[in-house]
N, C-alpha and C. Protein backbone atom coordinates (compact mmCIF):
# COMPACT_ATOMS: atom_id res chain seq x y z
N MET A 1 48.38 24.14 21.06
CA MET A 1 49.40 24.40 20.07
C MET A 1 49.74 23.12 19.31
N LEU A 2 49.82 23.22 17.99
CA LEU A 2 50.06 22.04 17.18
C LEU A 2 51.55 21.69 17.09
N LEU A 3 52.38 22.71 16.89
CA LEU A 3 53.83 22.50 16.81
C LEU A 3 54.53 23.60 17.60
N ASP A 4 55.51 23.19 18.42
CA ASP A 4 56.31 24.15 19.18
C ASP A 4 57.78 23.81 18.97
N VAL A 5 58.50 24.71 18.32
CA VAL A 5 59.93 24.53 18.06
C VAL A 5 60.69 25.53 18.92
N SER A 6 61.66 25.03 19.71
CA SER A 6 62.38 25.89 20.64
C SER A 6 63.89 25.74 20.51
N SER A 7 64.55 26.81 20.13
CA SER A 7 66.03 26.90 20.07
C SER A 7 66.65 25.74 19.29
N LEU A 8 66.06 25.41 18.16
CA LEU A 8 66.53 24.29 17.34
C LEU A 8 67.81 24.64 16.59
N SER A 9 68.83 23.80 16.72
CA SER A 9 70.09 24.00 16.01
C SER A 9 70.56 22.67 15.44
N LYS A 10 71.28 22.75 14.32
CA LYS A 10 71.85 21.56 13.70
C LYS A 10 73.20 21.90 13.10
N SER A 11 74.21 21.13 13.48
CA SER A 11 75.56 21.30 12.95
C SER A 11 76.00 20.03 12.24
N TYR A 12 76.73 20.22 11.15
CA TYR A 12 77.40 19.11 10.45
C TYR A 12 78.89 19.37 10.60
N GLY A 13 79.50 18.77 11.62
CA GLY A 13 80.90 19.07 11.91
C GLY A 13 81.03 20.52 12.32
N GLN A 14 81.86 21.27 11.59
CA GLN A 14 82.06 22.69 11.89
C GLN A 14 81.03 23.58 11.21
N THR A 15 80.18 22.99 10.38
CA THR A 15 79.19 23.78 9.64
C THR A 15 77.88 23.86 10.40
N LEU A 16 77.46 25.08 10.69
CA LEU A 16 76.19 25.30 11.38
C LEU A 16 75.10 25.50 10.34
N ALA A 17 74.21 24.51 10.22
CA ALA A 17 73.16 24.54 9.19
C ALA A 17 71.91 25.27 9.67
N VAL A 18 71.58 25.09 10.96
CA VAL A 18 70.42 25.75 11.56
C VAL A 18 70.85 26.28 12.91
N SER A 19 70.53 27.53 13.18
CA SER A 19 71.01 28.17 14.41
C SER A 19 69.86 28.75 15.23
N ASP A 20 69.56 28.11 16.35
CA ASP A 20 68.66 28.66 17.36
C ASP A 20 67.31 29.10 16.80
N VAL A 21 66.64 28.21 16.08
CA VAL A 21 65.35 28.52 15.46
C VAL A 21 64.22 28.21 16.44
N SER A 22 63.31 29.17 16.59
CA SER A 22 62.13 28.99 17.43
C SER A 22 60.90 29.54 16.71
N PHE A 23 59.83 28.76 16.70
CA PHE A 23 58.55 29.24 16.18
C PHE A 23 57.47 28.27 16.63
N SER A 24 56.22 28.69 16.51
CA SER A 24 55.11 27.83 16.89
C SER A 24 54.02 27.90 15.83
N VAL A 25 53.21 26.85 15.79
CA VAL A 25 52.12 26.76 14.83
C VAL A 25 50.86 26.35 15.58
N ASP A 26 49.80 27.14 15.43
CA ASP A 26 48.52 26.80 16.04
C ASP A 26 47.64 26.08 15.03
N ARG A 27 46.65 25.37 15.51
CA ARG A 27 45.72 24.67 14.62
C ARG A 27 45.02 25.65 13.69
N GLY A 28 44.94 25.26 12.43
CA GLY A 28 44.26 26.09 11.43
C GLY A 28 45.12 27.17 10.82
N GLU A 29 46.34 27.34 11.31
CA GLU A 29 47.23 28.36 10.75
C GLU A 29 47.87 27.87 9.45
N VAL A 30 48.17 28.82 8.59
CA VAL A 30 48.99 28.55 7.41
C VAL A 30 50.22 29.43 7.56
N ILE A 31 51.38 28.80 7.83
CA ILE A 31 52.58 29.61 8.01
C ILE A 31 53.59 29.28 6.92
N ALA A 32 54.41 30.27 6.61
CA ALA A 32 55.47 30.10 5.61
C ALA A 32 56.82 30.21 6.28
N LEU A 33 57.67 29.21 6.06
CA LEU A 33 59.07 29.29 6.47
C LEU A 33 59.82 29.80 5.25
N ILE A 34 60.40 30.99 5.37
CA ILE A 34 61.01 31.62 4.21
C ILE A 34 62.47 31.92 4.46
N GLY A 35 63.29 31.75 3.43
CA GLY A 35 64.71 32.03 3.52
C GLY A 35 65.38 31.72 2.20
N ALA A 36 66.56 32.26 2.04
CA ALA A 36 67.32 32.02 0.81
C ALA A 36 67.78 30.57 0.73
N SER A 37 68.21 30.15 -0.45
CA SER A 37 68.77 28.81 -0.61
C SER A 37 69.96 28.66 0.33
N GLY A 38 70.01 27.52 1.03
CA GLY A 38 71.12 27.27 1.94
C GLY A 38 70.93 27.87 3.33
N SER A 39 69.75 28.42 3.60
CA SER A 39 69.52 29.07 4.90
C SER A 39 69.07 28.10 5.99
N GLY A 40 68.85 26.84 5.63
CA GLY A 40 68.50 25.83 6.64
C GLY A 40 67.04 25.44 6.69
N LYS A 41 66.26 25.89 5.69
CA LYS A 41 64.83 25.57 5.68
C LYS A 41 64.58 24.07 5.61
N THR A 42 65.22 23.41 4.65
CA THR A 42 65.00 21.98 4.45
C THR A 42 65.55 21.17 5.63
N THR A 43 66.66 21.63 6.22
CA THR A 43 67.20 20.96 7.40
C THR A 43 66.23 21.07 8.57
N THR A 44 65.65 22.24 8.74
CA THR A 44 64.65 22.43 9.79
C THR A 44 63.46 21.49 9.56
N LEU A 45 63.04 21.43 8.31
CA LEU A 45 61.93 20.56 7.93
C LEU A 45 62.25 19.10 8.24
N GLY A 46 63.44 18.66 7.83
CA GLY A 46 63.85 17.28 8.09
C GLY A 46 63.92 16.96 9.57
N THR A 47 64.29 17.94 10.36
CA THR A 47 64.39 17.74 11.80
C THR A 47 63.02 17.55 12.43
N ILE A 48 62.07 18.44 12.11
CA ILE A 48 60.75 18.33 12.74
C ILE A 48 59.96 17.14 12.21
N LEU A 49 60.45 16.54 11.10
CA LEU A 49 59.83 15.32 10.58
C LEU A 49 60.56 14.06 11.06
N ASN A 50 61.51 14.24 11.99
CA ASN A 50 62.26 13.12 12.57
C ASN A 50 63.12 12.37 11.55
N VAL A 51 63.52 13.06 10.50
CA VAL A 51 64.42 12.46 9.51
C VAL A 51 65.87 12.80 9.85
N ILE A 52 66.07 13.98 10.45
CA ILE A 52 67.39 14.48 10.83
C ILE A 52 67.38 14.72 12.34
N ASN A 53 68.44 14.30 13.02
CA ASN A 53 68.55 14.55 14.46
C ASN A 53 69.14 15.93 14.71
N GLN A 54 68.47 16.71 15.56
CA GLN A 54 68.99 18.04 15.88
C GLN A 54 70.22 17.95 16.76
N THR A 55 71.05 18.98 16.73
CA THR A 55 72.22 19.05 17.61
C THR A 55 71.80 19.55 18.98
N SER A 56 70.87 20.50 19.00
CA SER A 56 70.33 21.01 20.26
C SER A 56 68.95 21.59 20.01
N GLY A 57 68.26 21.89 21.10
CA GLY A 57 66.90 22.42 20.98
C GLY A 57 65.86 21.31 21.00
N THR A 58 64.61 21.71 21.03
CA THR A 58 63.52 20.74 21.11
C THR A 58 62.37 21.12 20.18
N PHE A 59 61.53 20.14 19.91
CA PHE A 59 60.28 20.42 19.21
C PHE A 59 59.23 19.41 19.67
N GLU A 60 57.99 19.85 19.69
CA GLU A 60 56.88 18.99 20.09
C GLU A 60 55.75 19.12 19.09
N TRP A 61 55.17 17.97 18.75
CA TRP A 61 53.97 17.92 17.92
C TRP A 61 52.79 17.55 18.81
N PHE A 62 51.71 18.29 18.72
CA PHE A 62 50.48 17.96 19.46
C PHE A 62 50.74 17.82 20.97
N GLY A 63 51.70 18.62 21.47
CA GLY A 63 51.98 18.61 22.91
C GLY A 63 52.84 17.47 23.39
N GLN A 64 53.46 16.73 22.47
CA GLN A 64 54.32 15.63 22.89
C GLN A 64 55.53 15.52 21.94
N LYS A 65 56.54 14.81 22.40
CA LYS A 65 57.74 14.63 21.60
C LYS A 65 57.40 13.91 20.29
N GLY A 66 57.97 14.41 19.19
CA GLY A 66 57.69 13.81 17.89
C GLY A 66 58.19 12.37 17.79
N ASP A 67 57.34 11.46 17.29
CA ASP A 67 57.72 10.07 17.10
C ASP A 67 56.95 9.50 15.91
N GLN A 68 56.99 8.19 15.74
CA GLN A 68 56.31 7.56 14.61
C GLN A 68 54.80 7.80 14.63
N ASN A 69 54.21 7.82 15.83
CA ASN A 69 52.76 8.02 15.93
C ASN A 69 52.37 9.43 15.53
N THR A 70 53.14 10.43 15.97
CA THR A 70 52.81 11.80 15.58
C THR A 70 53.06 11.99 14.08
N ARG A 71 54.06 11.30 13.55
CA ARG A 71 54.39 11.42 12.11
C ARG A 71 53.22 10.98 11.24
N LYS A 72 52.44 10.02 11.72
CA LYS A 72 51.29 9.54 10.94
C LYS A 72 50.20 10.60 10.81
N ARG A 73 50.26 11.61 11.66
CA ARG A 73 49.25 12.67 11.63
C ARG A 73 49.68 13.86 10.76
N ILE A 74 50.83 13.68 10.06
CA ILE A 74 51.39 14.76 9.26
C ILE A 74 51.52 14.32 7.81
N GLY A 75 51.09 15.15 6.89
CA GLY A 75 51.28 14.88 5.47
C GLY A 75 52.37 15.80 4.94
N ALA A 76 53.35 15.26 4.25
CA ALA A 76 54.46 16.09 3.75
C ALA A 76 54.73 15.79 2.28
N ILE A 77 55.04 16.85 1.52
CA ILE A 77 55.46 16.66 0.14
C ILE A 77 56.84 17.26 -0.05
N LEU A 78 57.60 16.61 -0.91
CA LEU A 78 58.95 17.08 -1.21
C LEU A 78 58.92 18.04 -2.39
N GLU A 79 60.03 18.75 -2.59
CA GLU A 79 60.11 19.74 -3.67
C GLU A 79 59.89 19.09 -5.03
N HIS A 80 60.48 17.90 -5.22
CA HIS A 80 60.34 17.21 -6.51
C HIS A 80 59.55 15.92 -6.31
N PRO A 81 58.30 15.88 -6.77
CA PRO A 81 57.47 14.68 -6.58
C PRO A 81 58.12 13.44 -7.20
N ILE A 82 58.03 12.32 -6.49
CA ILE A 82 58.61 11.07 -6.98
C ILE A 82 57.49 10.04 -7.13
N PHE A 83 57.16 9.72 -8.38
CA PHE A 83 56.15 8.72 -8.69
C PHE A 83 56.66 7.85 -9.84
N TYR A 84 55.98 6.74 -10.09
CA TYR A 84 56.35 5.87 -11.20
C TYR A 84 55.80 6.47 -12.50
N PRO A 85 56.67 6.82 -13.45
CA PRO A 85 56.24 7.52 -14.66
C PRO A 85 55.27 6.74 -15.54
N TYR A 86 55.37 5.39 -15.57
CA TYR A 86 54.53 4.59 -16.47
C TYR A 86 53.23 4.13 -15.82
N LEU A 87 53.00 4.54 -14.57
CA LEU A 87 51.74 4.23 -13.90
C LEU A 87 50.83 5.46 -13.92
N THR A 88 49.54 5.21 -13.82
CA THR A 88 48.57 6.31 -13.82
C THR A 88 48.56 7.00 -12.45
N GLY A 89 47.85 8.12 -12.40
CA GLY A 89 47.70 8.81 -11.13
C GLY A 89 47.08 7.92 -10.08
N VAL A 90 46.02 7.21 -10.46
CA VAL A 90 45.34 6.29 -9.54
C VAL A 90 46.27 5.19 -9.07
N GLN A 91 46.99 4.58 -10.00
CA GLN A 91 47.89 3.48 -9.63
C GLN A 91 48.99 3.94 -8.68
N ASN A 92 49.53 5.12 -8.94
CA ASN A 92 50.56 5.66 -8.05
C ASN A 92 50.01 5.91 -6.65
N LEU A 93 48.82 6.48 -6.57
CA LEU A 93 48.23 6.76 -5.26
C LEU A 93 47.86 5.49 -4.50
N LYS A 94 47.49 4.43 -5.23
CA LYS A 94 47.18 3.17 -4.56
C LYS A 94 48.43 2.57 -3.92
N ILE A 95 49.56 2.76 -4.54
CA ILE A 95 50.82 2.30 -3.93
C ILE A 95 51.07 3.05 -2.62
N VAL A 96 50.82 4.36 -2.64
CA VAL A 96 50.97 5.16 -1.42
C VAL A 96 49.99 4.70 -0.36
N CYS A 97 48.77 4.34 -0.78
CA CYS A 97 47.77 3.81 0.16
C CYS A 97 48.29 2.56 0.86
N ASP A 98 48.92 1.67 0.08
CA ASP A 98 49.47 0.43 0.66
C ASP A 98 50.55 0.75 1.69
N ILE A 99 51.39 1.74 1.38
CA ILE A 99 52.48 2.11 2.29
C ILE A 99 51.92 2.73 3.57
N LYS A 100 50.92 3.61 3.41
CA LYS A 100 50.37 4.33 4.56
C LYS A 100 49.21 3.59 5.25
N GLU A 101 48.87 2.41 4.69
CA GLU A 101 47.77 1.61 5.23
C GLU A 101 46.46 2.41 5.25
N VAL A 102 46.17 2.98 4.09
CA VAL A 102 44.96 3.79 3.90
C VAL A 102 44.07 3.08 2.88
N PRO A 103 42.74 3.06 3.07
CA PRO A 103 41.86 2.39 2.10
C PRO A 103 41.88 3.08 0.73
N TYR A 104 41.74 2.27 -0.33
CA TYR A 104 41.77 2.80 -1.69
C TYR A 104 40.65 3.81 -1.96
N SER A 105 39.62 3.78 -1.16
CA SER A 105 38.50 4.71 -1.35
C SER A 105 38.94 6.17 -1.23
N ARG A 106 40.04 6.39 -0.54
CA ARG A 106 40.54 7.76 -0.37
C ARG A 106 41.09 8.33 -1.67
N VAL A 107 41.49 7.46 -2.61
CA VAL A 107 42.12 7.92 -3.85
C VAL A 107 41.20 8.85 -4.63
N GLU A 108 39.96 8.41 -4.87
CA GLU A 108 39.01 9.23 -5.62
C GLU A 108 38.75 10.56 -4.91
N GLU A 109 38.66 10.50 -3.59
CA GLU A 109 38.38 11.70 -2.81
C GLU A 109 39.47 12.76 -2.98
N VAL A 110 40.73 12.34 -2.82
CA VAL A 110 41.82 13.33 -2.88
C VAL A 110 42.06 13.82 -4.31
N LEU A 111 41.80 12.98 -5.30
CA LEU A 111 41.94 13.43 -6.69
C LEU A 111 40.96 14.55 -7.02
N LYS A 112 39.76 14.47 -6.44
CA LYS A 112 38.79 15.54 -6.64
C LYS A 112 39.24 16.83 -5.95
N VAL A 113 39.82 16.69 -4.78
CA VAL A 113 40.29 17.87 -4.02
C VAL A 113 41.31 18.66 -4.83
N VAL A 114 42.20 17.96 -5.53
CA VAL A 114 43.27 18.65 -6.29
C VAL A 114 42.91 18.79 -7.77
N SER A 115 41.65 18.52 -8.11
CA SER A 115 41.15 18.68 -9.49
C SER A 115 41.92 17.86 -10.52
N LEU A 116 42.21 16.61 -10.15
CA LEU A 116 42.88 15.70 -11.09
C LEU A 116 42.00 14.51 -11.44
N ASP A 117 40.74 14.53 -11.02
CA ASP A 117 39.88 13.36 -11.24
C ASP A 117 39.69 13.06 -12.73
N GLU A 118 39.72 14.09 -13.59
CA GLU A 118 39.53 13.85 -15.03
C GLU A 118 40.78 13.26 -15.69
N ARG A 119 41.93 13.38 -15.02
CA ARG A 119 43.17 12.82 -15.57
C ARG A 119 43.70 11.67 -14.73
N LYS A 120 42.84 11.08 -13.93
CA LYS A 120 43.28 10.05 -12.99
C LYS A 120 43.84 8.81 -13.68
N ASP A 121 43.38 8.53 -14.91
CA ASP A 121 43.84 7.33 -15.61
C ASP A 121 44.95 7.61 -16.62
N SER A 122 45.48 8.84 -16.60
CA SER A 122 46.61 9.19 -17.46
C SER A 122 47.91 8.82 -16.75
N LYS A 123 48.89 8.42 -17.54
CA LYS A 123 50.19 8.08 -16.96
C LYS A 123 50.86 9.33 -16.39
N PHE A 124 51.59 9.13 -15.30
CA PHE A 124 52.25 10.23 -14.61
C PHE A 124 53.19 10.99 -15.55
N LYS A 125 53.85 10.28 -16.46
CA LYS A 125 54.82 10.93 -17.36
C LYS A 125 54.14 11.93 -18.29
N THR A 126 52.82 11.86 -18.46
CA THR A 126 52.12 12.79 -19.34
C THR A 126 51.62 14.03 -18.59
N TYR A 127 51.81 14.07 -17.28
CA TYR A 127 51.34 15.20 -16.47
C TYR A 127 52.25 16.42 -16.65
N SER A 128 51.65 17.59 -16.61
CA SER A 128 52.43 18.83 -16.58
C SER A 128 53.08 18.95 -15.19
N LEU A 129 54.01 19.89 -15.05
CA LEU A 129 54.66 20.08 -13.74
C LEU A 129 53.63 20.43 -12.67
N GLY A 130 52.65 21.27 -13.04
CA GLY A 130 51.62 21.63 -12.08
C GLY A 130 50.78 20.44 -11.65
N MET A 131 50.46 19.56 -12.61
CA MET A 131 49.69 18.36 -12.30
C MET A 131 50.50 17.42 -11.41
N LYS A 132 51.78 17.31 -11.69
CA LYS A 132 52.64 16.45 -10.86
C LYS A 132 52.67 16.96 -9.42
N GLN A 133 52.73 18.28 -9.28
CA GLN A 133 52.76 18.85 -7.93
C GLN A 133 51.42 18.64 -7.23
N ARG A 134 50.32 18.74 -7.98
CA ARG A 134 49.00 18.51 -7.39
C ARG A 134 48.82 17.04 -7.00
N LEU A 135 49.39 16.11 -7.79
CA LEU A 135 49.32 14.70 -7.41
C LEU A 135 50.10 14.46 -6.12
N SER A 136 51.20 15.19 -5.96
CA SER A 136 51.99 15.08 -4.74
C SER A 136 51.18 15.56 -3.53
N ILE A 137 50.43 16.64 -3.71
CA ILE A 137 49.56 17.13 -2.63
C ILE A 137 48.49 16.09 -2.32
N ALA A 138 47.93 15.49 -3.38
CA ALA A 138 46.92 14.44 -3.20
C ALA A 138 47.50 13.28 -2.39
N SER A 139 48.73 12.92 -2.68
CA SER A 139 49.41 11.83 -1.97
C SER A 139 49.52 12.15 -0.48
N ALA A 140 49.87 13.40 -0.17
CA ALA A 140 50.01 13.82 1.22
C ALA A 140 48.66 13.84 1.94
N LEU A 141 47.58 14.03 1.18
CA LEU A 141 46.24 14.11 1.76
C LEU A 141 45.61 12.74 2.04
N LEU A 142 46.19 11.68 1.49
CA LEU A 142 45.58 10.36 1.59
C LEU A 142 45.26 9.93 3.02
N CYS A 143 46.15 10.23 3.95
CA CYS A 143 45.94 9.80 5.33
C CYS A 143 45.14 10.83 6.13
N ASP A 144 44.54 11.80 5.42
CA ASP A 144 43.75 12.86 6.05
C ASP A 144 44.51 13.49 7.21
N PRO A 145 45.70 14.05 6.93
CA PRO A 145 46.58 14.55 7.99
C PRO A 145 46.01 15.79 8.68
N GLU A 146 46.39 15.95 9.94
CA GLU A 146 45.98 17.14 10.69
C GLU A 146 46.80 18.35 10.27
N VAL A 147 47.99 18.11 9.77
CA VAL A 147 48.84 19.20 9.31
C VAL A 147 49.55 18.77 8.04
N MET A 148 49.73 19.71 7.11
CA MET A 148 50.46 19.42 5.88
C MET A 148 51.71 20.29 5.80
N ILE A 149 52.81 19.66 5.38
CA ILE A 149 54.06 20.38 5.17
C ILE A 149 54.39 20.31 3.69
N LEU A 150 54.56 21.47 3.07
CA LEU A 150 54.84 21.53 1.64
C LEU A 150 56.18 22.21 1.42
N ASP A 151 57.13 21.48 0.87
CA ASP A 151 58.49 21.97 0.65
C ASP A 151 58.60 22.53 -0.77
N GLU A 152 58.71 23.85 -0.89
CA GLU A 152 58.84 24.53 -2.18
C GLU A 152 57.80 24.03 -3.19
N PRO A 153 56.51 24.15 -2.88
CA PRO A 153 55.48 23.59 -3.76
C PRO A 153 55.37 24.24 -5.13
N THR A 154 56.00 25.43 -5.32
CA THR A 154 55.90 26.10 -6.62
C THR A 154 57.25 26.19 -7.33
N SER A 155 58.24 25.47 -6.83
CA SER A 155 59.57 25.51 -7.45
C SER A 155 59.51 25.06 -8.91
N SER A 156 60.12 25.83 -9.80
CA SER A 156 60.24 25.52 -11.23
C SER A 156 58.92 25.63 -12.00
N LEU A 157 57.87 26.15 -11.36
CA LEU A 157 56.59 26.27 -12.05
C LEU A 157 56.44 27.67 -12.65
N ASP A 158 55.83 27.75 -13.84
CA ASP A 158 55.55 29.06 -14.42
C ASP A 158 54.34 29.67 -13.72
N PRO A 159 54.07 30.97 -13.92
CA PRO A 159 53.00 31.66 -13.18
C PRO A 159 51.64 30.97 -13.26
N GLU A 160 51.29 30.42 -14.42
CA GLU A 160 49.99 29.76 -14.56
C GLU A 160 49.90 28.53 -13.67
N LEU A 161 51.00 27.75 -13.64
CA LEU A 161 51.01 26.54 -12.82
C LEU A 161 51.07 26.87 -11.34
N VAL A 162 51.76 27.97 -10.99
CA VAL A 162 51.76 28.44 -9.61
C VAL A 162 50.33 28.72 -9.17
N GLY A 163 49.56 29.31 -10.08
CA GLY A 163 48.15 29.60 -9.79
C GLY A 163 47.36 28.34 -9.50
N GLU A 164 47.65 27.26 -10.24
CA GLU A 164 46.97 25.97 -10.01
C GLU A 164 47.22 25.47 -8.59
N VAL A 165 48.49 25.48 -8.20
CA VAL A 165 48.87 24.97 -6.87
C VAL A 165 48.31 25.89 -5.79
N LEU A 166 48.37 27.19 -6.02
CA LEU A 166 47.85 28.16 -5.06
C LEU A 166 46.36 27.94 -4.82
N LYS A 167 45.63 27.66 -5.87
CA LYS A 167 44.19 27.43 -5.76
C LYS A 167 43.90 26.23 -4.86
N VAL A 168 44.66 25.15 -5.03
CA VAL A 168 44.49 23.96 -4.18
C VAL A 168 44.80 24.29 -2.73
N MET A 169 45.89 25.02 -2.51
CA MET A 169 46.30 25.35 -1.14
C MET A 169 45.28 26.26 -0.46
N GLN A 170 44.73 27.21 -1.20
CA GLN A 170 43.71 28.09 -0.63
C GLN A 170 42.46 27.31 -0.26
N SER A 171 42.13 26.31 -1.08
CA SER A 171 40.97 25.46 -0.80
C SER A 171 41.20 24.68 0.50
N LEU A 172 42.40 24.16 0.69
CA LEU A 172 42.73 23.41 1.90
C LEU A 172 42.70 24.32 3.12
N ALA A 173 43.18 25.55 2.96
CA ALA A 173 43.19 26.51 4.06
C ALA A 173 41.76 26.86 4.47
N GLU A 174 40.88 26.97 3.49
CA GLU A 174 39.47 27.28 3.77
C GLU A 174 38.79 26.16 4.55
N GLU A 175 39.30 24.92 4.38
CA GLU A 175 38.78 23.79 5.16
C GLU A 175 39.24 23.85 6.61
N GLY A 176 40.20 24.75 6.88
CA GLY A 176 40.75 24.85 8.23
C GLY A 176 41.94 23.95 8.46
N ARG A 177 42.52 23.43 7.36
CA ARG A 177 43.66 22.53 7.51
C ARG A 177 44.93 23.34 7.82
N THR A 178 45.71 22.86 8.77
CA THR A 178 46.95 23.52 9.13
C THR A 178 48.02 23.20 8.09
N MET A 179 48.77 24.24 7.66
CA MET A 179 49.81 24.02 6.67
C MET A 179 51.08 24.78 7.03
N ILE A 180 52.20 24.12 6.78
CA ILE A 180 53.52 24.75 6.89
C ILE A 180 54.13 24.70 5.49
N VAL A 181 54.38 25.88 4.93
CA VAL A 181 54.88 25.97 3.56
C VAL A 181 56.32 26.48 3.59
N VAL A 182 57.23 25.72 3.02
CA VAL A 182 58.63 26.11 2.94
C VAL A 182 58.87 26.73 1.57
N THR A 183 59.37 27.97 1.55
CA THR A 183 59.55 28.66 0.28
C THR A 183 60.66 29.70 0.37
N HIS A 184 61.18 30.10 -0.78
CA HIS A 184 62.13 31.22 -0.82
C HIS A 184 61.50 32.42 -1.52
N GLU A 185 60.21 32.29 -1.89
CA GLU A 185 59.53 33.33 -2.64
C GLU A 185 58.60 34.14 -1.72
N MET A 186 59.00 35.37 -1.44
CA MET A 186 58.25 36.22 -0.53
C MET A 186 56.82 36.48 -1.02
N GLY A 187 56.66 36.73 -2.33
CA GLY A 187 55.34 37.00 -2.88
C GLY A 187 54.39 35.85 -2.64
N PHE A 188 54.86 34.63 -2.90
CA PHE A 188 54.03 33.44 -2.69
C PHE A 188 53.72 33.27 -1.21
N ALA A 189 54.72 33.50 -0.35
CA ALA A 189 54.52 33.37 1.09
C ALA A 189 53.41 34.29 1.57
N LYS A 190 53.42 35.53 1.10
CA LYS A 190 52.40 36.50 1.51
C LYS A 190 51.02 36.10 0.98
N GLU A 191 51.01 35.51 -0.21
CA GLU A 191 49.74 35.14 -0.85
C GLU A 191 49.04 34.02 -0.11
N VAL A 192 49.81 33.07 0.39
CA VAL A 192 49.21 31.84 0.91
C VAL A 192 49.15 31.75 2.43
N SER A 193 49.99 32.51 3.15
CA SER A 193 50.12 32.27 4.59
C SER A 193 49.52 33.37 5.45
N SER A 194 49.24 32.99 6.69
CA SER A 194 48.75 33.94 7.68
C SER A 194 49.90 34.42 8.58
N LYS A 195 51.03 33.72 8.53
CA LYS A 195 52.19 34.09 9.33
C LYS A 195 53.45 33.67 8.56
N VAL A 196 54.48 34.53 8.62
CA VAL A 196 55.74 34.24 7.95
C VAL A 196 56.85 34.12 9.00
N VAL A 197 57.65 33.06 8.89
CA VAL A 197 58.79 32.85 9.78
C VAL A 197 60.04 32.93 8.93
N PHE A 198 60.94 33.86 9.26
CA PHE A 198 62.19 34.02 8.51
C PHE A 198 63.29 33.19 9.13
């Protein structure tokens, strides 16, 4: 089992943000965490990524307690990609390489995976929303993670751009890559995942 979450809860004072959440993820699965805005999806995500401390419950990555070492095996993208607008796609990814201690040779590889190799030398500010989201996926792929977590990967995208992102995700799934997709869109969840967690 790749991820095991058991009775996870998180409170902020008197406010219960996540209540007794349990689910598991096996290798090669694509699962969708789905819920309305404010239902605790992002808090759950932050907890299993060791950014937020849970109030109670446990989770394990790769059969052990989550820590800095397990975090290196996970690629995650946020809902709104954050890159330097006046730098090119390549330049932005090289900065991520420096942070993640990944060789620059990975940049060309991941740009091809997300079909951005022809726009690699264009400034980030000239990218469409779909291209920005695909660059974010490329960034998460740089360290060749065993599992990818995508937080609302189609938020604010029109149907055509959703199709672009969906195509990349389906390609990754066909490679056998494990993915956890956080979304509030049931249609997208059914399209991309093999299991849905409410």
